Amino acid sequence: MKNKKNNEIVVYLISLLAFAFLIFIAIYFQTTTPYNKVALDLGFAKIAWYAVFILTGLIIAVVWSIQEFRLKGIKEDFLFDALFWSVPLAIIGSRIYYVIFDPVKDYNTILDILDVTRGGLSIHGVVITVFVFLIFYSKKKNVNFWLIMDIVAVGFLLGQIIGRWGNFMNQEAYGPAIESTTILNILPTFIKDQMFINGFYHHPTFLYEGIWNTIGLILILIIRRKRIFKVGDHFALYLIWYGFGRGLIIEPLRIGGAQYDALRFLGLPVNVYLSIILFFIGGLFLIYFKNKYNPNLGFYKDVSRQGK
């Protein structure tokens, strides 16, 4: 048990160092702001920093999930097979979510709708798609759905924390102009310089959201090793934590990003409504109804083998 805990800590530290090194590489060789959005120009194609951070978040989430799968006695084949289907489906679901709430509706063909190179993806669509997919896939593979969602919740947080730095490189996901000299003095210079837009330093809401999600991630990592919450509750806690932070703190503060500005309903960002309803309220209902109608799931900490 001690060796497993030590291995877990090593994985966390290596992941943190890899993430910090990626940020360092992304900005160290840049001499002017705004920073170049392109990480690698191959001539025939360009790889954006946004894609690099998203992919890095996915890889680290997979590494963490493999470790947890082994601990819970779930075959790793389930994870890789699920990724094969869920990743492309999540991209499509994320895009469709955006298109549904996009008031511009500049889509003439089905290819326009699915063209992610035009921008417009949403984490809300990703979560919905993955949730629905895993309901059927876990049943087909005879694996505990709620246990899988508890593990996936950690992956979601990791992906969101790391992926937000892609928004940073694109000068997206920022708030109003900073009026507090205290905040200006606290923020690292490289962040302030990238958030200097239209003559003002703007609140880096991408960073605020990342800090909020990091706190939530640490809490879940701690409590899932305690006999406190049952199987499935950690996913519900993720929904509550993320929904509260995104819907009531981050989204009302955000003003920046052309893609973000398009997603509005009745004058407010659609993500405010969806974050509160889908995530926060959804998480509360999930904890209540899951434990009421399926009280025999047991504690997450006690699960050490695959179960239906």
C-alpha atoms as a PDB file:
ATOM      1  CA  MET A   1       0.000   0.000   0.000  1.00  0.00           C
ATOM      2  CA  LYS A   2       2.855   2.348   0.853  1.00  0.00           C
ATOM      3  CA  ASN A   3       4.530   1.661  -2.489  1.00  0.00           C
ATOM      4  CA  LYS A   4       1.294   2.385  -4.331  1.00  0.00           C
ATOM      5  CA  LYS A   5       0.969   5.703  -2.508  1.00  0.00           C
ATOM      6  CA  ASN A   6       4.567   6.597  -3.309  1.00  0.00           C
ATOM      7  CA  ASN A   7       4.039   5.717  -6.979  1.00  0.00           C
ATOM      8  CA  GLU A   8       0.953   7.904  -7.014  1.00  0.00           C
ATOM      9  CA  ILE A   9       2.892  10.871  -5.632  1.00  0.00           C
ATOM     10  CA  VAL A  10       5.681  10.325  -8.170  1.00  0.00           C
ATOM     11  CA  VAL A  11       3.166  10.367 -11.038  1.00  0.00           C
ATOM     12  CA  TYR A  12       1.653  13.607  -9.721  1.00  0.00           C
ATOM     13  CA  LEU A  13       5.066  15.290  -9.408  1.00  0.00           C
ATOM     14  CA  ILE A  14       6.239  14.199 -12.857  1.00  0.00           C
ATOM     15  CA  SER A  15       2.975  15.427 -14.383  1.00  0.00           C
ATOM     16  CA  LEU A  16       3.345  18.783 -12.638  1.00  0.00           C
ATOM     17  CA  LEU A  17       6.926  19.168 -13.858  1.00  0.00           C
ATOM     18  CA  ALA A  18       5.942  18.237 -17.409  1.00  0.00           C
ATOM     19  CA  PHE A  19       3.118  20.773 -17.357  1.00  0.00           C
ATOM     20  CA  ALA A  20       5.379  23.533 -15.990  1.00  0.00           C
ATOM     21  CA  PHE A  21       8.045  22.688 -18.577  1.00  0.00           C
ATOM     22  CA  LEU A  22       5.488  22.956 -21.389  1.00  0.00           C
ATOM     23  CA  ILE A  23       4.465  26.436 -20.226  1.00  0.00           C
ATOM     24  CA  PHE A  24       8.140  27.395 -20.054  1.00  0.00           C
ATOM     25  CA  ILE A  25       8.775  26.172 -23.612  1.00  0.00           C
ATOM     26  CA  ALA A  26       5.659  27.937 -24.895  1.00  0.00           C
ATOM     27  CA  ILE A  27       6.760  31.394 -23.700  1.00  0.00           C
ATOM     28  CA  TYR A  28      10.540  31.344 -23.168  1.00  0.00           C
ATOM     29  CA  PHE A  29      11.536  31.807 -26.799  1.00  0.00           C
ATOM     30  CA  GLN A  30       8.867  34.415 -27.505  1.00  0.00           C
ATOM     31  CA  THR A  31      10.194  37.965 -27.549  1.00  0.00           C
ATOM     32  CA  THR A  32       6.979  39.925 -28.100  1.00  0.00           C
ATOM     33  CA  THR A  33       3.365  39.815 -27.019  1.00  0.00           C
ATOM     34  CA  PRO A  34       0.829  38.708 -27.915  1.00  0.00           C
ATOM     35  CA  TYR A  35       2.593  35.372 -28.084  1.00  0.00           C
ATOM     36  CA  ASN A  36       2.641  33.382 -31.286  1.00  0.00           C
ATOM     37  CA  LYS A  37      -0.297  30.970 -31.301  1.00  0.00           C
ATOM     38  CA  VAL A  38       1.571  28.481 -33.492  1.00  0.00           C
ATOM     39  CA  ALA A  39       3.772  25.946 -31.732  1.00  0.00           C
ATOM     40  CA  LEU A  40       5.141  24.314 -34.871  1.00  0.00           C
ATOM     41  CA  ASP A  41       4.964  25.352 -38.521  1.00  0.00           C
ATOM     42  CA  LEU A  42       5.525  22.360 -40.773  1.00  0.00           C
ATOM     43  CA  GLY A  43       4.924  24.311 -43.947  1.00  0.00           C
ATOM     44  CA  PHE A  44       2.047  22.156 -45.102  1.00  0.00           C
ATOM     45  CA  ALA A  45       0.365  22.398 -41.692  1.00  0.00           C
ATOM     46  CA  LYS A  46       0.533  24.407 -38.469  1.00  0.00           C
ATOM     47  CA  ILE A  47       0.207  22.994 -34.967  1.00  0.00           C
ATOM     48  CA  ALA A  48      -1.291  25.511 -32.535  1.00  0.00           C
ATOM     49  CA  TRP A  49      -0.296  25.806 -28.894  1.00  0.00           C
ATOM     50  CA  TYR A  50      -3.980  25.384 -28.086  1.00  0.00           C
ATOM     51  CA  ALA A  51      -3.911  21.889 -29.574  1.00  0.00           C
ATOM     52  CA  VAL A  52      -0.632  21.092 -27.771  1.00  0.00           C
ATOM     53  CA  PHE A  53      -2.076  22.003 -24.364  1.00  0.00           C
ATOM     54  CA  ILE A  54      -5.325  20.128 -25.027  1.00  0.00           C
ATOM     55  CA  LEU A  55      -3.393  17.024 -26.102  1.00  0.00           C
ATOM     56  CA  THR A  56      -1.076  17.302 -23.092  1.00  0.00           C
ATOM     57  CA  GLY A  57      -4.073  17.484 -20.763  1.00  0.00           C
ATOM     58  CA  LEU A  58      -5.520  14.368 -22.394  1.00  0.00           C
ATOM     59  CA  ILE A  59      -2.241  12.437 -22.114  1.00  0.00           C
ATOM     60  CA  ILE A  60      -1.727  13.287 -18.442  1.00  0.00           C
ATOM     61  CA  ALA A  61      -5.364  12.434 -17.699  1.00  0.00           C
ATOM     62  CA  VAL A  62      -4.854   9.044 -19.375  1.00  0.00           C
ATOM     63  CA  VAL A  63      -1.690   8.369 -17.360  1.00  0.00           C
ATOM     64  CA  TRP A  64      -3.485   9.170 -14.106  1.00  0.00           C
ATOM     65  CA  SER A  65      -6.456   7.035 -15.159  1.00  0.00           C
ATOM     66  CA  ILE A  66      -4.245   4.042 -15.955  1.00  0.00           C
ATOM     67  CA  GLN A  67      -2.851   4.189 -12.443  1.00  0.00           C
ATOM     68  CA  GLU A  68      -6.347   4.339 -10.923  1.00  0.00           C
ATOM     69  CA  PHE A  69      -7.634   1.560 -13.192  1.00  0.00           C
ATOM     70  CA  ARG A  70      -4.874  -0.707 -11.934  1.00  0.00           C
ATOM     71  CA  LEU A  71      -5.673   0.160  -8.345  1.00  0.00           C
ATOM     72  CA  LYS A  72      -9.360  -0.630  -8.853  1.00  0.00           C
ATOM     73  CA  GLY A  73      -8.722  -3.807 -10.811  1.00  0.00           C
ATOM     74  CA  ILE A  74     -10.152  -2.595 -14.108  1.00  0.00           C
ATOM     75  CA  LYS A  75      -8.419  -3.763 -17.276  1.00  0.00           C
ATOM     76  CA  GLU A  76      -6.569  -1.008 -19.101  1.00  0.00           C
ATOM     77  CA  ASP A  77      -8.030  -2.236 -22.394  1.00  0.00           C
ATOM     78  CA  PHE A  78     -11.329  -0.695 -21.315  1.00  0.00           C
ATOM     79  CA  LEU A  79      -9.681   2.721 -21.083  1.00  0.00           C
ATOM     80  CA  PHE A  80      -7.932   2.578 -24.451  1.00  0.00           C
ATOM     81  CA  ASP A  81     -10.957   1.174 -26.254  1.00  0.00           C
ATOM     82  CA  ALA A  82     -13.173   3.838 -24.680  1.00  0.00           C
ATOM     83  CA  LEU A  83     -10.739   6.574 -25.707  1.00  0.00           C
ATOM     84  CA  PHE A  84     -10.781   5.320 -29.299  1.00  0.00           C
ATOM     85  CA  TRP A  85     -14.512   6.038 -29.485  1.00  0.00           C
ATOM     86  CA  SER A  86     -15.072   8.767 -26.908  1.00  0.00           C
ATOM     87  CA  VAL A  87     -12.420  11.270 -28.041  1.00  0.00           C
ATOM     88  CA  PRO A  88     -13.794  11.812 -31.580  1.00  0.00           C
ATOM     89  CA  LEU A  89     -17.360  11.647 -30.256  1.00  0.00           C
ATOM     90  CA  ALA A  90     -16.530  14.237 -27.587  1.00  0.00           C
ATOM     91  CA  ILE A  91     -15.104  16.590 -30.218  1.00  0.00           C
ATOM     92  CA  ILE A  92     -18.260  16.246 -32.292  1.00  0.00           C
ATOM     93  CA  GLY A  93     -20.484  16.669 -29.226  1.00  0.00           C
ATOM     94  CA  SER A  94     -18.536  19.707 -28.131  1.00  0.00           C
ATOM     95  CA  ARG A  95     -18.925  21.241 -31.583  1.00  0.00           C
ATOM     96  CA  ILE A  96     -22.661  20.464 -31.819  1.00  0.00           C
ATOM     97  CA  TYR A  97     -23.243  22.043 -28.398  1.00  0.00           C
ATOM     98  CA  TYR A  98     -21.567  25.214 -29.629  1.00  0.00           C
ATOM     99  CA  VAL A  99     -23.502  25.279 -32.903  1.00  0.00           C
ATOM    100  CA  ILE A 100     -26.862  24.870 -31.121  1.00  0.00           C
ATOM    101  CA  PHE A 101     -26.314  27.992 -29.029  1.00  0.00           C
ATOM    102  CA  ASP A 102     -24.480  30.040 -31.655  1.00  0.00           C
ATOM    103  CA  PRO A 103     -26.787  32.942 -32.675  1.00  0.00           C
ATOM    104  CA  VAL A 104     -24.786  33.635 -35.837  1.00  0.00           C
ATOM    105  CA  LYS A 105     -25.779  30.297 -37.445  1.00  0.00           C
ATOM    106  CA  ASP A 106     -23.368  30.715 -40.347  1.00  0.00           C
ATOM    107  CA  TYR A 107     -23.520  27.062 -41.341  1.00  0.00           C
ATOM    108  CA  ASN A 108     -24.529  26.090 -44.870  1.00  0.00           C
ATOM    109  CA  THR A 109     -23.613  22.403 -44.888  1.00  0.00           C
ATOM    110  CA  ILE A 110     -23.058  19.569 -42.455  1.00  0.00           C
ATOM    111  CA  LEU A 111     -19.330  20.014 -43.046  1.00  0.00           C
ATOM    112  CA  ASP A 112     -19.593  23.603 -41.772  1.00  0.00           C
ATOM    113  CA  ILE A 113     -21.185  22.323 -38.591  1.00  0.00           C
ATOM    114  CA  LEU A 114     -18.457  19.736 -38.023  1.00  0.00           C
ATOM    115  CA  ASP A 115     -15.566  22.006 -39.064  1.00  0.00           C
ATOM    116  CA  VAL A 116     -13.754  22.511 -35.738  1.00  0.00           C
ATOM    117  CA  THR A 117     -11.034  24.532 -37.503  1.00  0.00           C
ATOM    118  CA  ARG A 118     -13.517  27.412 -37.551  1.00  0.00           C
ATOM    119  CA  GLY A 119     -13.460  27.440 -33.750  1.00  0.00           C
ATOM    120  CA  GLY A 120     -16.257  26.878 -31.306  1.00  0.00           C
ATOM    121  CA  LEU A 121     -15.902  23.990 -28.845  1.00  0.00           C
ATOM    122  CA  SER A 122     -17.330  23.633 -25.369  1.00  0.00           C
ATOM    123  CA  ILE A 123     -16.451  21.551 -22.312  1.00  0.00           C
ATOM    124  CA  HIS A 124     -20.182  21.245 -21.620  1.00  0.00           C
ATOM    125  CA  GLY A 125     -20.645  19.300 -24.847  1.00  0.00           C
ATOM    126  CA  VAL A 126     -17.665  17.102 -23.978  1.00  0.00           C
ATOM    127  CA  VAL A 127     -19.034  16.163 -20.549  1.00  0.00           C
ATOM    128  CA  ILE A 128     -22.523  15.416 -21.881  1.00  0.00           C
ATOM    129  CA  THR A 129     -21.191  13.279 -24.736  1.00  0.00           C
ATOM    130  CA  VAL A 130     -18.753  11.286 -22.597  1.00  0.00           C
ATOM    131  CA  PHE A 131     -21.382  10.740 -19.886  1.00  0.00           C
ATOM    132  CA  VAL A 132     -23.941   9.333 -22.350  1.00  0.00           C
ATOM    133  CA  PHE A 133     -21.334   7.263 -24.196  1.00  0.00           C
ATOM    134  CA  LEU A 134     -20.035   5.640 -21.022  1.00  0.00           C
ATOM    135  CA  ILE A 135     -23.528   4.691 -19.875  1.00  0.00           C
ATOM    136  CA  PHE A 136     -23.790   2.312 -22.818  1.00  0.00           C
ATOM    137  CA  TYR A 137     -20.125   1.381 -23.127  1.00  0.00           C
ATOM    138  CA  SER A 138     -19.622   0.452 -19.471  1.00  0.00           C
ATOM    139  CA  LYS A 139     -22.780  -1.673 -19.578  1.00  0.00           C
ATOM    140  CA  LYS A 140     -21.519  -3.450 -22.692  1.00  0.00           C
ATOM    141  CA  LYS A 141     -18.162  -4.134 -21.021  1.00  0.00           C
ATOM    142  CA  ASN A 142     -19.775  -5.044 -17.684  1.00  0.00           C
ATOM    143  CA  VAL A 143     -17.849  -2.376 -15.766  1.00  0.00           C
ATOM    144  CA  ASN A 144     -19.232  -0.234 -12.949  1.00  0.00           C
ATOM    145  CA  PHE A 145     -20.375   2.966 -14.679  1.00  0.00           C
ATOM    146  CA  TRP A 146     -20.258   5.128 -11.552  1.00  0.00           C
ATOM    147  CA  LEU A 147     -16.752   3.972 -10.714  1.00  0.00           C
ATOM    148  CA  ILE A 148     -15.614   4.918 -14.215  1.00  0.00           C
ATOM    149  CA  MET A 149     -17.231   8.355 -13.915  1.00  0.00           C
ATOM    150  CA  ASP A 150     -15.396   8.968 -10.629  1.00  0.00           C
ATOM    151  CA  ILE A 151     -12.106   8.343 -12.417  1.00  0.00           C
ATOM    152  CA  VAL A 152     -13.172  10.373 -15.456  1.00  0.00           C
ATOM    153  CA  ALA A 153     -14.034  13.333 -13.190  1.00  0.00           C
ATOM    154  CA  VAL A 154     -10.370  13.670 -12.263  1.00  0.00           C
ATOM    155  CA  GLY A 155      -9.484  13.491 -15.954  1.00  0.00           C
ATOM    156  CA  PHE A 156     -11.982  16.246 -16.759  1.00  0.00           C
ATOM    157  CA  LEU A 157     -10.432  18.545 -14.169  1.00  0.00           C
ATOM    158  CA  LEU A 158      -6.920  17.830 -15.402  1.00  0.00           C
ATOM    159  CA  GLY A 159      -7.909  18.494 -19.000  1.00  0.00           C
ATOM    160  CA  GLN A 160      -9.607  21.755 -18.098  1.00  0.00           C
ATOM    161  CA  ILE A 161      -6.714  22.988 -15.960  1.00  0.00           C
ATOM    162  CA  ILE A 162      -4.095  22.314 -18.633  1.00  0.00           C
ATOM    163  CA  GLY A 163      -6.269  23.127 -21.631  1.00  0.00           C
ATOM    164  CA  ARG A 164      -7.008  26.638 -20.362  1.00  0.00           C
ATOM    165  CA  TRP A 165      -3.395  27.550 -21.090  1.00  0.00           C
ATOM    166  CA  GLY A 166      -4.274  27.067 -24.733  1.00  0.00           C
ATOM    167  CA  ASN A 167      -6.789  29.896 -24.265  1.00  0.00           C
ATOM    168  CA  PHE A 168      -3.984  31.907 -22.682  1.00  0.00           C
ATOM    169  CA  MET A 169      -1.805  31.481 -25.780  1.00  0.00           C
ATOM    170  CA  ASN A 170      -4.772  32.559 -27.932  1.00  0.00           C
ATOM    171  CA  GLN A 171      -5.475  35.619 -25.720  1.00  0.00           C
ATOM    172  CA  GLU A 172      -8.911  34.241 -24.899  1.00  0.00           C
ATOM    173  CA  ALA A 173     -10.945  33.711 -21.744  1.00  0.00           C
ATOM    174  CA  TYR A 174     -10.113  37.009 -20.094  1.00  0.00           C
ATOM    175  CA  GLY A 175     -12.100  39.409 -17.940  1.00  0.00           C
ATOM    176  CA  PRO A 176     -12.471  43.187 -17.615  1.00  0.00           C
ATOM    177  CA  ALA A 177      -9.589  45.604 -17.183  1.00  0.00           C
ATOM    178  CA  ILE A 178      -7.723  45.226 -13.889  1.00  0.00           C
ATOM    179  CA  GLU A 179      -8.157  48.214 -11.619  1.00  0.00           C
ATOM    180  CA  SER A 180      -6.447  46.795  -8.537  1.00  0.00           C
ATOM    181  CA  THR A 181      -2.710  47.481  -8.261  1.00  0.00           C
ATOM    182  CA  THR A 182      -2.494  44.600  -5.790  1.00  0.00           C
ATOM    183  CA  ILE A 183      -3.610  42.098  -8.424  1.00  0.00           C
ATOM    184  CA  LEU A 184      -1.241  43.619 -10.966  1.00  0.00           C
ATOM    185  CA  ASN A 185       1.652  43.238  -8.554  1.00  0.00           C
ATOM    186  CA  ILE A 186       0.758  39.607  -7.804  1.00  0.00           C
ATOM    187  CA  LEU A 187       0.377  38.398 -11.386  1.00  0.00           C
ATOM    188  CA  PRO A 188       3.537  37.100 -13.111  1.00  0.00           C
ATOM    189  CA  THR A 189       4.862  39.417 -15.810  1.00  0.00           C
ATOM    190  CA  PHE A 190       4.407  36.926 -18.650  1.00  0.00           C
ATOM    191  CA  ILE A 191       0.709  36.575 -17.812  1.00  0.00           C
ATOM    192  CA  LYS A 192       0.171  40.329 -17.504  1.00  0.00           C
ATOM    193  CA  ASP A 193       1.897  40.952 -20.833  1.00  0.00           C
ATOM    194  CA  GLN A 194      -0.283  38.427 -22.648  1.00  0.00           C
ATOM    195  CA  MET A 195      -3.394  39.873 -21.001  1.00  0.00           C
ATOM    196  CA  PHE A 196      -2.526  43.399 -22.166  1.00  0.00           C
ATOM    197  CA  ILE A 197      -5.329  43.892 -24.691  1.00  0.00           C
ATOM    198  CA  ASN A 198      -6.576  47.114 -26.279  1.00  0.00           C
ATOM    199  CA  GLY A 199      -4.404  49.225 -23.997  1.00  0.00           C
ATOM    200  CA  PHE A 200      -5.397  47.602 -20.683  1.00  0.00           C
ATOM    201  CA  TYR A 201      -4.317  44.721 -18.481  1.00  0.00           C
ATOM    202  CA  HIS A 202      -7.243  42.314 -18.199  1.00  0.00           C
ATOM    203  CA  HIS A 203      -8.172  39.783 -15.530  1.00  0.00           C
ATOM    204  CA  PRO A 204      -6.802  36.348 -16.560  1.00  0.00           C
ATOM    205  CA  THR A 205     -10.014  34.428 -15.934  1.00  0.00           C
ATOM    206  CA  PHE A 206      -8.430  31.396 -17.580  1.00  0.00           C
ATOM    207  CA  LEU A 207      -6.011  31.394 -14.632  1.00  0.00           C
ATOM    208  CA  TYR A 208      -8.740  31.956 -12.042  1.00  0.00           C
ATOM    209  CA  GLU A 209     -10.675  29.009 -13.429  1.00  0.00           C
ATOM    210  CA  GLY A 210      -7.502  26.918 -13.427  1.00  0.00           C
ATOM    211  CA  ILE A 211      -6.826  27.735  -9.773  1.00  0.00           C
ATOM    212  CA  TRP A 212     -10.432  26.941  -8.830  1.00  0.00           C
ATOM    213  CA  ASN A 213     -10.265  23.603 -10.641  1.00  0.00           C
ATOM    214  CA  THR A 214      -6.886  22.812  -9.085  1.00  0.00           C
ATOM    215  CA  ILE A 215      -8.355  23.257  -5.611  1.00  0.00           C
ATOM    216  CA  GLY A 216     -11.246  20.976  -6.582  1.00  0.00           C
ATOM    217  CA  LEU A 217      -8.836  18.414  -8.017  1.00  0.00           C
ATOM    218  CA  ILE A 218      -6.753  18.325  -4.832  1.00  0.00           C
ATOM    219  CA  LEU A 219      -9.882  17.927  -2.704  1.00  0.00           C
ATOM    220  CA  ILE A 220     -11.131  14.987  -4.769  1.00  0.00           C
ATOM    221  CA  LEU A 221      -7.704  13.329  -4.763  1.00  0.00           C
ATOM    222  CA  ILE A 222      -7.630  13.561  -0.966  1.00  0.00           C
ATOM    223  CA  ILE A 223     -11.178  12.479  -0.168  1.00  0.00           C
ATOM    224  CA  ARG A 224     -11.241   9.567  -2.592  1.00  0.00           C
ATOM    225  CA  ARG A 225      -8.665   7.872  -0.376  1.00  0.00           C
ATOM    226  CA  LYS A 226     -10.966   8.346   2.637  1.00  0.00           C
ATOM    227  CA  ARG A 227     -14.100   6.371   3.490  1.00  0.00           C
ATOM    228  CA  ILE A 228     -16.360   9.411   3.078  1.00  0.00           C
ATOM    229  CA  PHE A 229     -18.111   9.297  -0.284  1.00  0.00           C
ATOM    230  CA  LYS A 230     -19.644   6.407  -2.168  1.00  0.00           C
ATOM    231  CA  VAL A 231     -18.983   5.321  -5.733  1.00  0.00           C
ATOM    232  CA  GLY A 232     -20.275   7.971  -8.126  1.00  0.00           C
ATOM    233  CA  ASP A 233     -20.238  10.755  -5.538  1.00  0.00           C
ATOM    234  CA  HIS A 234     -16.877  12.081  -6.707  1.00  0.00           C
ATOM    235  CA  PHE A 235     -18.267  12.694 -10.179  1.00  0.00           C
ATOM    236  CA  ALA A 236     -21.218  14.486  -8.598  1.00  0.00           C
ATOM    237  CA  LEU A 237     -18.825  16.576  -6.522  1.00  0.00           C
ATOM    238  CA  TYR A 238     -16.949  17.470  -9.691  1.00  0.00           C
ATOM    239  CA  LEU A 239     -20.188  18.680 -11.278  1.00  0.00           C
ATOM    240  CA  ILE A 240     -21.057  20.758  -8.201  1.00  0.00           C
ATOM    241  CA  TRP A 241     -17.590  22.233  -7.814  1.00  0.00           C
ATOM    242  CA  TYR A 242     -17.103  23.046 -11.484  1.00  0.00           C
ATOM    243  CA  GLY A 243     -20.660  24.284 -11.963  1.00  0.00           C
ATOM    244  CA  PHE A 244     -20.447  26.657  -9.011  1.00  0.00           C
ATOM    245  CA  GLY A 245     -17.076  28.069 -10.025  1.00  0.00           C
ATOM    246  CA  ARG A 246     -17.770  28.312 -13.746  1.00  0.00           C
ATOM    247  CA  GLY A 247     -21.374  29.486 -13.538  1.00  0.00           C
ATOM    248  CA  LEU A 248     -21.286  31.894 -10.600  1.00  0.00           C
ATOM    249  CA  ILE A 249     -17.685  33.107 -10.481  1.00  0.00           C
ATOM    250  CA  ILE A 250     -15.808  32.766 -13.774  1.00  0.00           C
ATOM    251  CA  GLU A 251     -18.404  33.230 -16.522  1.00  0.00           C
ATOM    252  CA  PRO A 252     -19.957  36.434 -15.102  1.00  0.00           C
ATOM    253  CA  LEU A 253     -16.451  37.915 -15.039  1.00  0.00           C
ATOM    254  CA  ARG A 254     -15.420  36.935 -18.545  1.00  0.00           C
ATOM    255  CA  ILE A 255     -15.682  39.366 -21.426  1.00  0.00           C
ATOM    256  CA  GLY A 256     -13.002  38.199 -23.847  1.00  0.00           C
ATOM    257  CA  GLY A 257     -12.897  35.911 -26.840  1.00  0.00           C
ATOM    258  CA  ALA A 258     -14.898  36.110 -30.034  1.00  0.00           C
ATOM    259  CA  GLN A 259     -16.147  32.547 -29.671  1.00  0.00           C
ATOM    260  CA  TYR A 260     -17.260  33.217 -26.125  1.00  0.00           C
ATOM    261  CA  ASP A 261     -19.093  36.421 -27.074  1.00  0.00           C
ATOM    262  CA  ALA A 262     -21.242  34.553 -29.588  1.00  0.00           C
ATOM    263  CA  LEU A 263     -22.616  32.113 -27.035  1.00  0.00           C
ATOM    264  CA  ARG A 264     -25.293  34.268 -25.408  1.00  0.00           C
ATOM    265  CA  PHE A 265     -28.970  33.893 -24.517  1.00  0.00           C
ATOM    266  CA  LEU A 266     -31.175  36.686 -23.132  1.00  0.00           C
ATOM    267  CA  GLY A 267     -28.092  38.870 -22.741  1.00  0.00           C
ATOM    268  CA  LEU A 268     -26.148  36.427 -20.572  1.00  0.00           C
ATOM    269  CA  PRO A 269     -23.578  33.818 -21.587  1.00  0.00           C
ATOM    270  CA  VAL A 270     -25.199  30.461 -22.254  1.00  0.00           C
ATOM    271  CA  ASN A 271     -22.446  28.867 -20.194  1.00  0.00           C
ATOM    272  CA  VAL A 272     -23.768  30.647 -17.092  1.00  0.00           C
ATOM    273  CA  TYR A 273     -27.127  28.891 -17.417  1.00  0.00           C
ATOM    274  CA  LEU A 274     -25.688  25.533 -18.420  1.00  0.00           C
ATOM    275  CA  SER A 275     -22.991  25.561 -15.748  1.00  0.00           C
ATOM    276  CA  ILE A 276     -25.522  26.220 -13.025  1.00  0.00           C
ATOM    277  CA  ILE A 277     -28.204  23.854 -14.323  1.00  0.00           C
ATOM    278  CA  LEU A 278     -26.199  21.059 -15.911  1.00  0.00           C
ATOM    279  CA  PHE A 279     -23.285  20.958 -13.503  1.00  0.00           C
ATOM    280  CA  PHE A 280     -24.232  22.464 -10.153  1.00  0.00           C
ATOM    281  CA  ILE A 281     -27.888  21.417  -9.918  1.00  0.00           C
ATOM    282  CA  GLY A 282     -27.138  18.220 -11.833  1.00  0.00           C
ATOM    283  CA  GLY A 283     -24.498  17.300  -9.291  1.00  0.00           C
ATOM    284  CA  LEU A 284     -26.848  17.879  -6.372  1.00  0.00           C
ATOM    285  CA  PHE A 285     -29.576  15.748  -7.964  1.00  0.00           C
ATOM    286  CA  LEU A 286     -27.066  13.056  -8.831  1.00  0.00           C
ATOM    287  CA  ILE A 287     -25.811  12.705  -5.268  1.00  0.00           C
ATOM    288  CA  TYR A 288     -29.358  12.625  -3.911  1.00  0.00           C
ATOM    289  CA  PHE A 289     -31.042  10.259  -6.360  1.00  0.00           C
ATOM    290  CA  LYS A 290     -28.084   7.940  -6.890  1.00  0.00           C
ATOM    291  CA  ASN A 291     -27.717   7.304  -3.175  1.00  0.00           C
ATOM    292  CA  LYS A 292     -31.474   7.065  -2.680  1.00  0.00           C
ATOM    293  CA  TYR A 293     -32.197   4.531  -5.415  1.00  0.00           C
ATOM    294  CA  ASN A 294     -28.846   2.751  -5.482  1.00  0.00           C
ATOM    295  CA  PRO A 295     -27.594   2.848  -1.885  1.00  0.00           C
ATOM    296  CA  ASN A 296     -25.540  -0.345  -2.142  1.00  0.00           C
ATOM    297  CA  LEU A 297     -22.734   0.999  -4.334  1.00  0.00           C
ATOM    298  CA  GLY A 298     -20.356   1.178  -1.382  1.00  0.00           C
ATOM    299  CA  PHE A 299     -17.510   3.552  -0.651  1.00  0.00           C
ATOM    300  CA  TYR A 300     -15.092   4.444  -3.429  1.00  0.00           C
ATOM    301  CA  LYS A 301     -12.104   3.722  -1.186  1.00  0.00           C
ATOM    302  CA  ASP A 302     -13.246   0.146  -0.636  1.00  0.00           C
ATOM    303  CA  VAL A 303     -13.485  -0.733  -4.314  1.00  0.00           C
ATOM    304  CA  SER A 304     -10.520  -2.887  -5.241  1.00  0.00           C
ATOM    305  CA  ARG A 305     -11.892  -5.069  -7.984  1.00  0.00           C
ATOM    306  CA  GLN A 306     -14.090  -4.719 -11.028  1.00  0.00           C
ATOM    307  CA  GLY A 307     -17.782  -4.828 -10.305  1.00  0.00           C
ATOM    308  CA  LYS A 308     -21.011  -4.302 -12.136  1.00  0.00           C
END
